Protein backbone atom coordinates (compact mmCIF):
# COMPACT_ATOMS: atom_id res chain seq x y z
CA MET A 1 0.00 0.00 0.00
CA GLY A 2 1.19 3.47 -0.79
CA TYR A 3 1.51 6.16 1.80
CA LYS A 4 -1.62 7.91 0.53
CA THR A 5 -3.78 4.79 0.91
CA SER A 6 -2.42 3.89 4.33
CA LYS A 7 -2.75 7.49 5.58
CA THR A 8 -6.31 7.71 4.23
CA LEU A 9 -7.32 4.49 5.99
CA LYS A 10 -5.57 5.57 9.19
CA ASP A 11 -7.18 9.02 9.22
CA ASN A 12 -10.66 7.71 8.35
CA LYS A 13 -10.75 4.69 10.67
CA THR A 14 -13.71 6.01 12.70
CA SER A 15 -15.45 7.20 9.54
CA LEU A 16 -15.19 3.71 8.03
CA ILE A 17 -16.79 2.21 11.14
CA ILE A 18 -19.60 4.76 10.95
CA ILE A 19 -20.02 4.04 7.23
CA ALA A 20 -20.33 0.28 7.92
CA VAL A 21 -22.87 0.79 10.71
CA LEU A 22 -24.85 3.20 8.52
CA TRP A 23 -24.88 0.63 5.70
CA VAL A 24 -26.38 -1.99 8.04
CA ILE A 25 -29.01 0.43 9.33
CA LEU A 26 -29.96 1.61 5.84
CA SER A 27 -30.11 -1.97 4.60
CA ILE A 28 -32.64 -2.82 7.28
CA VAL A 29 -34.66 0.39 7.33
CA LEU A 30 -34.59 1.43 3.67
CA VAL A 31 -33.61 -1.47 1.42
CA ALA A 32 -35.89 -4.08 2.99
CA PRO A 33 -39.10 -2.05 2.42
CA ILE A 34 -38.04 -1.09 -1.10
CA GLY A 35 -37.17 -4.70 -1.99
CA TYR A 36 -40.44 -5.94 -0.53
CA SER A 37 -42.42 -3.28 -2.42
CA ILE A 38 -40.68 -4.17 -5.68
CA GLY A 39 -41.58 -7.82 -5.10
CA VAL A 40 -45.24 -7.02 -4.33
CA SER A 41 -45.62 -4.77 -7.38
CA THR A 42 -43.93 -7.31 -9.68
CA ILE A 43 -45.93 -10.30 -8.43
CA ALA A 44 -49.26 -8.43 -8.50
CA ALA A 45 -48.97 -7.11 -12.05
CA GLY A 46 -46.73 -9.75 -13.64
CA LYS A 47 -44.13 -7.05 -14.32
CA PHE A 48 -42.97 -4.02 -12.38
CA ASN A 49 -45.84 -1.59 -11.83
CA LEU A 50 -44.88 1.86 -10.57
CA THR A 51 -48.26 2.77 -9.08
CA ILE A 52 -48.44 -0.39 -6.96
CA PHE A 53 -44.82 0.14 -5.94
CA LEU A 54 -45.45 3.73 -4.83
CA GLU A 55 -48.57 2.71 -2.88
CA ASN A 56 -46.63 0.02 -1.00
CA VAL A 57 -43.25 1.63 -0.46
CA PHE A 58 -44.42 4.53 1.71
CA THR A 59 -46.60 2.35 3.92
CA GLU A 60 -43.79 -0.18 4.30
CA LEU A 61 -41.25 2.53 5.14
CA ALA A 62 -43.52 3.84 7.89
CA SER A 63 -44.57 0.48 9.37
CA PHE A 64 -41.26 -1.47 9.54
CA SER A 65 -43.22 -4.69 9.05
CA SER A 66 -41.48 -5.55 5.80
CA ILE A 67 -38.22 -6.26 7.63
CA THR A 68 -39.45 -9.73 8.56
CA ARG A 69 -41.61 -10.32 5.49
CA VAL A 70 -38.75 -9.66 3.06
CA PHE A 71 -37.10 -12.95 4.10
CA ASN A 72 -40.03 -14.95 2.74
CA ALA A 73 -39.01 -17.28 -0.10
CA ILE A 74 -41.01 -15.23 -2.60
CA TYR A 75 -39.41 -11.87 -1.79
CA ILE A 76 -35.84 -12.82 -0.87
CA GLY A 77 -34.65 -12.56 -4.49
CA TYR A 78 -36.04 -9.05 -4.86
CA PHE A 79 -34.42 -8.06 -1.58
CA GLY A 80 -31.08 -9.56 -2.69
CA LYS A 81 -31.07 -7.63 -5.97
CA THR A 82 -32.07 -4.40 -4.28
CA LEU A 83 -29.40 -4.90 -1.62
CA LEU A 84 -26.78 -5.60 -4.29
CA TYR A 85 -27.61 -2.41 -6.23
CA PHE A 86 -27.73 -0.38 -3.02
CA THR A 87 -24.37 -1.78 -1.88
CA ILE A 88 -22.71 -0.99 -5.21
CA LEU A 89 -24.05 2.57 -5.14
CA TYR A 90 -23.05 2.94 -1.47
CA LEU A 91 -19.50 1.71 -2.17
CA ILE A 92 -19.15 4.14 -5.08
CA PHE A 93 -20.05 7.07 -2.83
CA THR A 94 -17.78 5.73 -0.07
CA PHE A 95 -14.80 5.50 -2.42
CA ILE A 96 -15.50 9.00 -3.74
CA GLY A 97 -15.48 10.30 -0.16
CA LEU A 98 -12.28 8.45 0.69
CA PHE A 99 -10.64 9.66 -2.52
CA LYS A 100 -11.47 13.26 -1.66
CA SER A 101 -10.07 12.87 1.85
CA LYS A 102 -6.73 11.37 0.81
CA PRO A 103 -3.62 13.46 1.43
CA LYS A 104 -2.44 15.60 -1.44
CA HIS A 105 1.24 14.81 -0.88
CA GLN A 106 3.53 13.00 1.52
CA TYR A 107 3.97 16.00 3.82
CA THR A 108 0.30 16.72 4.51
CA ASP A 109 -0.37 17.38 8.21
CA ILE A 110 3.31 17.43 9.11
CA GLU A 111 4.19 20.44 11.18
CA HIS A 112 6.61 22.73 9.43
CA GLY A 113 9.61 23.57 11.57
CA SER A 114 9.36 20.59 13.88
CA SER A 115 12.23 18.30 14.76
CA ASP A 116 10.59 15.49 12.77
CA TRP A 117 13.04 16.22 9.96
CA SER A 118 15.67 14.15 11.69
CA GLU A 119 15.64 10.56 12.80
CA GLY A 120 17.83 8.66 15.20
CA GLY A 121 19.76 11.60 16.65
CA GLU A 122 20.88 13.19 13.37
CA GLN A 123 20.09 16.64 14.77
CA TYR A 124 22.71 16.21 17.51
CA SER A 125 25.53 16.55 14.99
CA ILE A 126 24.43 20.20 14.81
CA LEU A 127 22.56 20.68 18.08
CA SER A 128 23.34 19.77 21.65
CA LYS A 129 21.30 17.53 23.96
CA ASN A 130 22.33 19.19 27.19
CA LYS A 131 23.21 22.90 27.14
CA GLY A 132 23.12 25.99 25.05
CA ILE A 133 20.27 28.15 23.74
CA ILE A 134 16.95 26.35 24.26
CA LEU A 135 15.23 25.52 20.99
CA SER A 136 12.84 22.83 22.19
CA LYS A 137 12.51 20.34 25.03
CA HIS A 138 15.40 18.14 23.90
CA ASN A 139 17.24 20.40 21.44
CA PHE A 140 19.73 23.13 22.36
CA LEU A 141 21.87 25.28 20.08
CA PRO A 142 25.41 25.12 21.45
CA THR A 143 27.08 28.47 22.03
CA ASN A 144 30.61 27.09 21.66
CA LYS A 145 30.22 25.86 18.08
CA ARG A 146 32.00 27.42 15.17
CA GLY A 147 30.00 29.45 12.71
CA ASN A 148 26.73 31.27 12.97
CA VAL A 149 24.76 30.77 16.19
CA ASN A 150 22.12 33.43 15.56
CA VAL A 151 18.61 32.42 16.58
CA LEU A 152 15.33 33.78 15.28
CA VAL A 153 12.52 33.42 17.82
CA VAL A 154 9.06 33.31 16.30
CA GLY A 155 6.09 33.54 18.60
CA ARG A 156 5.18 35.56 21.63
CA ILE A 157 6.25 35.72 25.21
CA ARG A 158 3.50 35.31 27.77
CA PHE A 159 3.72 36.93 31.15
CA TRP A 160 1.46 35.40 33.78
């Protein structure tokens, strides 16, 4: 996996859990009544009839009784097709959302000016661990080094 994919999955871990829970809820509350209404309208008219579908779908959405009836042998195929189409559409929108939330480059959300630029003590060839001008908690600019030791302080001083 590339850094963009792994960072996207890491940053959206809670969103992915919410997306999965929302898919389950919508499958029960929305897809089951729609699949049942499609089955009723198709069986009643021999082919899909929009007026019968519209009469049934709103009553089934309000009553929640189709959740158990959709697992009848007659309607399970209609529910399966509806769930398949819903899942495909839901995954398309999920991937679009994840694509839009991916980092633009490798340095997204990395603080500029932090000591993350060095790894494994590389900064101590320039800086000191113990004494000198305080730069951060563990980094000091030694005053006895050769060359320029000028320091630019950016920020404000707070007096309590």
